[in-house]
Protein backbone atom coordinates (compact mmCIF):
# COMPACT_ATOMS: atom_id res chain seq x y z
CA UNK A 1 -10.91 -21.27 23.40
CA UNK A 2 -14.16 -23.14 24.08
CA UNK A 3 -16.91 -21.08 25.67
CA UNK A 4 -20.50 -21.89 26.59
CA UNK A 5 -23.59 -20.06 27.69
CA UNK A 6 -24.06 -20.31 31.42
CA UNK A 7 -27.50 -19.82 32.96
CA UNK A 8 -26.93 -17.41 35.84
CA UNK A 9 -28.53 -14.38 37.41
CA UNK A 10 -27.89 -11.51 34.98
CA UNK A 11 -27.64 -9.16 37.96
CA UNK A 12 -24.52 -10.99 39.13
CA UNK A 13 -22.11 -11.10 36.17
CA UNK A 14 -19.21 -11.84 38.53
CA UNK A 15 -20.60 -15.34 39.16
CA UNK A 16 -20.98 -15.96 35.44
CA UNK A 17 -17.45 -14.73 34.70
CA UNK A 18 -16.01 -16.91 37.46
CA UNK A 19 -17.86 -20.02 36.25
CA UNK A 20 -16.75 -19.42 32.67
CA UNK A 21 -13.16 -18.99 33.77
CA UNK A 22 -13.08 -22.25 35.72
CA UNK A 23 -14.92 -24.05 32.94
CA UNK A 24 -12.19 -22.95 30.52
CA UNK A 25 -9.43 -24.06 32.90
CA UNK A 26 -10.87 -27.53 33.47
CA UNK A 27 -11.93 -28.13 29.85
CA UNK A 28 -9.01 -26.73 27.86
CA UNK A 29 -6.15 -27.38 30.28
CA UNK A 30 -7.20 -30.64 31.96
CA UNK A 31 -9.62 -32.15 29.46
CA UNK A 32 -12.55 -32.24 31.92
CA UNK A 33 -15.47 -30.82 29.96
CA UNK A 34 -18.80 -31.05 31.82
CA UNK A 35 -20.66 -29.46 28.90
CA UNK A 36 -19.45 -32.15 26.50
CA UNK A 37 -20.35 -34.89 28.98
CA UNK A 38 -23.88 -33.61 29.53
CA UNK A 39 -24.41 -32.95 25.81
CA UNK A 40 -23.17 -36.46 24.95
CA UNK A 41 -25.50 -38.15 27.42
CA UNK A 42 -28.42 -36.06 26.15
CA UNK A 43 -27.65 -37.08 22.57
CA UNK A 44 -27.56 -40.83 23.22
CA UNK A 45 -31.31 -41.54 22.81
CA UNK A 46 -31.40 -39.84 19.40
CA UNK A 47 -28.24 -41.66 18.32
CA UNK A 48 -29.61 -45.06 19.34
CA UNK A 49 -32.93 -44.39 17.59
CA UNK A 50 -31.13 -43.35 14.38
CA UNK A 51 -28.76 -46.32 14.60
CA UNK A 52 -31.62 -48.80 14.81
CA UNK A 53 -33.49 -47.08 11.97
CA UNK A 54 -30.43 -47.02 9.66
CA UNK A 55 -29.06 -50.50 10.44
CA UNK A 56 -32.45 -52.11 9.82
CA UNK A 57 -32.21 -51.05 6.18
CA UNK A 58 -28.42 -51.12 5.56
CA UNK A 59 -26.77 -54.48 4.74
CA UNK A 60 -23.15 -53.40 4.22
CA UNK A 61 -20.17 -53.18 6.59
CA UNK A 62 -20.80 -50.70 9.42
CA UNK A 63 -18.78 -49.59 12.43
CA UNK A 64 -19.90 -47.59 15.46
CA UNK A 65 -18.47 -44.06 15.81
CA UNK A 66 -20.95 -41.81 17.65
CA UNK A 67 -21.13 -38.05 16.95
CA UNK A 68 -23.49 -36.78 19.61
CA UNK A 69 -23.14 -32.98 19.64
CA UNK A 70 -23.91 -31.73 16.13
CA UNK A 71 -27.72 -31.70 16.05
CA UNK A 72 -28.10 -28.38 17.83
CA UNK A 73 -24.94 -26.52 16.75
CA UNK A 74 -24.59 -23.85 14.09
CA UNK A 75 -22.76 -24.62 10.89
CA UNK A 76 -19.19 -23.51 11.58
CA UNK A 77 -17.86 -21.22 14.26
CA UNK A 78 -18.29 -17.46 14.56
CA UNK A 79 -16.02 -16.61 17.47
CA UNK A 80 -13.76 -13.57 17.75
CA UNK A 81 -10.98 -15.24 15.76
CA UNK A 82 -13.39 -15.82 12.88
CA UNK A 83 -14.48 -12.17 12.73
CA UNK A 84 -10.97 -10.81 13.33
CA UNK A 85 -9.40 -12.95 10.59
CA UNK A 86 -12.13 -12.16 8.08
CA UNK A 87 -12.11 -8.43 8.79
CA UNK A 88 -8.34 -7.91 8.56
CA UNK A 89 -7.93 -10.25 5.56
CA UNK A 90 -10.52 -8.19 3.68
CA UNK A 91 -8.62 -4.98 4.50
CA UNK A 92 -5.38 -6.45 3.17
CA UNK A 93 -7.08 -7.76 0.03
CA UNK A 94 -8.37 -4.29 -0.82
CA UNK A 95 -5.12 -2.51 0.16
CA UNK A 96 -2.97 -4.91 -1.91
CA UNK A 97 0.38 -4.00 -0.25
CA UNK A 98 3.74 -4.80 -1.82
CA UNK A 99 4.93 -6.94 1.12
CA UNK A 100 2.81 -8.16 4.00
CA UNK A 101 4.41 -9.59 7.15
CA UNK A 102 2.59 -11.22 10.04
CA UNK A 103 3.74 -11.60 13.64
CA UNK A 104 2.45 -14.59 15.57
CA UNK A 105 -1.12 -14.80 14.26
CA UNK A 106 -2.83 -18.15 13.83
CA UNK A 107 -1.50 -20.04 10.82
CA UNK A 108 -4.67 -22.13 10.56
CA UNK A 109 -6.77 -18.97 10.58
CA UNK A 110 -5.59 -15.53 9.51
CA UNK A 111 -2.37 -16.61 7.76
CA UNK A 112 -4.29 -19.19 5.72
CA UNK A 113 -6.81 -16.49 4.74
CA UNK A 114 -4.04 -14.29 3.35
CA UNK A 115 -2.13 -17.16 1.72
CA UNK A 116 -5.24 -18.06 -0.27
CA UNK A 117 -4.81 -14.94 -2.44
CA UNK A 118 -1.24 -13.61 -1.96
CA UNK A 119 2.19 -14.26 -0.46
CA UNK A 120 2.72 -13.60 3.24
CA UNK A 121 5.82 -13.74 5.43
CA UNK A 122 5.42 -14.98 9.00
CA UNK A 123 7.64 -14.32 12.03
CA UNK A 124 6.90 -16.47 15.09
CA UNK A 125 8.84 -17.63 18.15
CA UNK A 126 7.43 -21.13 17.60
CA UNK A 127 8.67 -23.31 14.74
CA UNK A 128 6.58 -24.09 11.68
CA UNK A 129 7.86 -27.20 9.91
CA UNK A 130 5.15 -27.55 7.26
CA UNK A 131 5.82 -26.26 3.75
CA UNK A 132 2.79 -24.03 3.15
CA UNK A 133 2.16 -22.49 -0.29
CA UNK A 134 2.43 -18.68 -0.31
CA UNK A 135 3.84 -18.65 3.25
CA UNK A 136 7.48 -17.77 3.97
CA UNK A 137 8.36 -18.49 7.59
CA UNK A 138 11.13 -17.17 9.81
CA UNK A 139 11.46 -18.23 13.44
CA UNK A 140 12.23 -15.15 15.50
CA UNK A 141 11.85 -13.83 19.03
CA UNK A 142 10.27 -10.39 18.61
CA UNK A 143 11.45 -9.40 22.09
CA UNK A 144 15.02 -9.67 20.79
CA UNK A 145 15.47 -7.24 17.88
CA UNK A 146 19.08 -8.04 17.04
CA UNK A 147 18.28 -10.14 13.96
CA UNK A 148 15.19 -8.26 12.76
CA UNK A 149 15.36 -6.08 9.63
CA UNK A 150 14.17 -2.48 9.75
CA UNK A 151 11.83 -0.81 7.25
CA UNK A 152 11.15 -4.26 5.83
CA UNK A 153 7.52 -4.11 4.74
CA UNK A 154 4.67 -1.75 3.95
CA UNK A 155 1.99 -3.86 5.63
CA UNK A 156 2.14 -5.64 8.97
CA UNK A 157 -0.23 -7.61 11.21
CA UNK A 158 -0.12 -8.99 14.74
CA UNK A 159 -3.46 -10.53 15.68
CA UNK A 160 -4.22 -11.92 19.12
CA UNK A 161 -0.49 -12.31 19.85
CA UNK A 162 0.99 -9.21 21.52
CA UNK A 163 -0.92 -9.90 24.75
CA UNK A 164 1.20 -13.03 25.28
CA UNK A 165 4.61 -11.38 25.03
CA UNK A 166 6.60 -11.77 28.25
CA UNK A 167 4.29 -14.29 29.95
CA UNK A 168 6.35 -17.36 29.01
CA UNK A 169 3.38 -19.23 27.54
CA UNK A 170 5.06 -19.86 24.20
CA UNK A 171 8.65 -20.22 25.36
CA UNK A 172 9.37 -16.51 25.50
CA UNK A 173 11.28 -14.92 28.37
CA UNK A 174 9.32 -13.62 31.37
CA UNK A 175 9.04 -9.84 31.17
CA UNK A 176 6.48 -7.54 32.77
CA UNK A 177 7.03 -5.11 29.90
CA UNK A 178 7.26 -7.73 27.17
CA UNK A 179 4.34 -6.27 25.23
CA UNK A 180 5.99 -2.84 25.12
CA UNK A 181 9.33 -4.25 23.97
CA UNK A 182 7.63 -6.47 21.43
CA UNK A 183 5.52 -3.66 20.01
CA UNK A 184 8.53 -1.40 19.60
CA UNK A 185 10.47 -4.12 17.80
CA UNK A 186 7.53 -5.03 15.59
CA UNK A 187 7.06 -1.47 14.44
CA UNK A 188 10.72 -1.28 13.36
CA UNK A 189 9.82 -3.78 10.63
CA UNK A 190 7.32 -1.34 9.14
CA UNK A 191 8.21 1.30 6.57
CA UNK A 192 7.11 4.89 6.97
CA UNK A 193 3.45 5.27 5.90
CA UNK A 194 3.02 1.51 6.22
CA UNK A 195 -0.16 0.05 7.74
CA UNK A 196 -0.22 -1.99 10.95
CA UNK A 197 -3.16 -4.21 11.92
CA UNK A 198 -3.14 -5.04 15.64
CA UNK A 199 -5.67 -6.96 17.70
CA UNK A 200 -5.53 -7.54 21.45
CA UNK A 201 -8.00 -8.26 24.27
CA UNK A 202 -9.33 -5.02 25.72
CA UNK A 203 -11.40 -4.12 28.77
CA UNK A 204 -10.59 -3.65 32.44
CA UNK A 205 -6.78 -3.76 32.47
CA UNK A 206 -5.30 -6.90 34.02
CA UNK A 207 -3.00 -9.87 33.49
CA UNK A 208 -4.60 -13.32 33.46
CA UNK A 209 -1.39 -15.26 34.03
CA UNK A 210 -0.17 -16.95 31.97
CA UNK A 211 -2.95 -16.87 29.38
CA UNK A 212 -2.81 -13.24 28.30
CA UNK A 213 -3.04 -9.58 29.16
CA UNK A 214 -6.25 -7.58 28.81
CA UNK A 215 -5.45 -3.97 27.91
CA UNK A 216 -7.26 -0.76 28.61
CA UNK A 217 -7.68 0.41 24.97
CA UNK A 218 -6.27 3.82 25.93
CA UNK A 219 -2.99 2.09 26.83
CA UNK A 220 -2.76 0.66 23.32
CA UNK A 221 -3.38 4.11 21.87
CA UNK A 222 -0.73 5.59 24.19
CA UNK A 223 1.88 3.02 23.17
CA UNK A 224 0.99 3.51 19.53
CA UNK A 225 1.47 7.26 19.79
CA UNK A 226 4.85 6.77 21.51
CA UNK A 227 5.94 4.63 18.56
CA UNK A 228 4.79 6.98 15.80
CA UNK A 229 1.53 5.27 14.91
CA UNK A 230 -1.65 7.12 13.95
CA UNK A 231 -5.01 5.40 14.38
CA UNK A 232 -6.90 5.08 11.09
CA UNK A 233 -9.67 2.67 12.06
CA UNK A 234 -10.97 0.80 15.09
CA UNK A 235 -13.29 -2.18 15.39
CA UNK A 236 -14.08 -4.66 18.10
CA UNK A 237 -15.65 -8.06 18.61
CA UNK A 238 -17.81 -8.64 21.66
CA UNK A 239 -20.33 -11.43 22.29
CA UNK A 240 -19.75 -12.74 18.77
CA UNK A 241 -20.56 -9.43 17.05
CA UNK A 242 -18.10 -7.36 14.99
CA UNK A 243 -18.60 -3.60 15.27
CA UNK A 244 -16.73 -1.00 13.22
CA UNK A 245 -16.34 2.21 15.18
CA UNK A 246 -17.40 5.63 13.94
CA UNK A 247 -16.24 7.31 17.16
CA UNK A 248 -13.12 5.50 18.45
CA UNK A 249 -12.54 7.79 21.44
CA UNK A 250 -16.07 7.33 22.76
CA UNK A 251 -16.10 3.60 22.06
CA UNK A 252 -12.73 3.04 23.71
CA UNK A 253 -13.96 4.86 26.83
CA UNK A 254 -16.95 2.50 27.04
CA UNK A 255 -14.94 -0.63 26.28
CA UNK A 256 -12.35 0.26 28.92
CA UNK A 257 -15.07 -0.33 31.53
CA UNK A 258 -16.21 -3.65 30.07
CA UNK A 259 -14.91 -7.01 31.19
CA UNK A 260 -13.67 -8.22 27.80
CA UNK A 261 -13.71 -7.54 24.08
CA UNK A 262 -11.29 -8.01 21.22
CA UNK A 263 -10.03 -4.68 19.90
CA UNK A 264 -8.86 -4.45 16.28
CA UNK A 265 -6.74 -1.36 15.61
CA UNK A 266 -5.56 -0.15 12.21
CA UNK A 267 -2.57 2.20 12.45
CA UNK A 268 -0.39 4.02 9.95
CA UNK A 269 3.26 4.65 10.70
CA UNK A 270 4.08 8.33 10.49
CA UNK A 271 6.90 9.87 8.48
CA UNK A 272 10.05 10.11 10.59
CA UNK A 273 11.09 13.73 11.23
């Protein structure tokens, strides 16, 4: 998701949030990006100056292909996906599980991180046709458990995916409780004492249809407890900063009142009685 810094009155965050939301809608869904347009126009004088300077000394074949936005950008991106993927991949590297399975995380992000140093199996409702080294893919609807194996792995991840279950965005069936059904089915894949890495948007509870849900973090903890999961670690990404929690209960209480953050939960599945 493309975001930008909006100059607004800091005392009125509602205006800023509204502007950011409509910016995202117009830019990502309709291709109308005012920021790109303004940045491109602003970059034209520098481009023309550089073009004249270079072409006066270069005698070979040259074509025009302007890149007008890179002078003032950082090298690479450091959004919440970047920090999430790096953080969880490092945990899995150090844990070195026997079998790691992922549910619906980004293939060009987290899955690629893991596949760079070990095998990973991926379950996703969407097809993956590419043959990717170290990646074994199975197309599956996690809201329909009939074909899913139980006690299949000792390590499991679902990053920035559960919030979409039941909203129809990726071809899944509409279900108000899709996230609850999906979570229950996902956990069946995990062996007792296995580790589950889960990330979801957290903050003031709401559905932003059909993009995603934003969960009160206490709701995630409640659902985890209902499904036999014990919290081992909690971290979150907010405003481009990754924070590892020393006091999850206190931090979750604060984050529940915030507008948005990405919560990263590490759970362990308890021994069945």
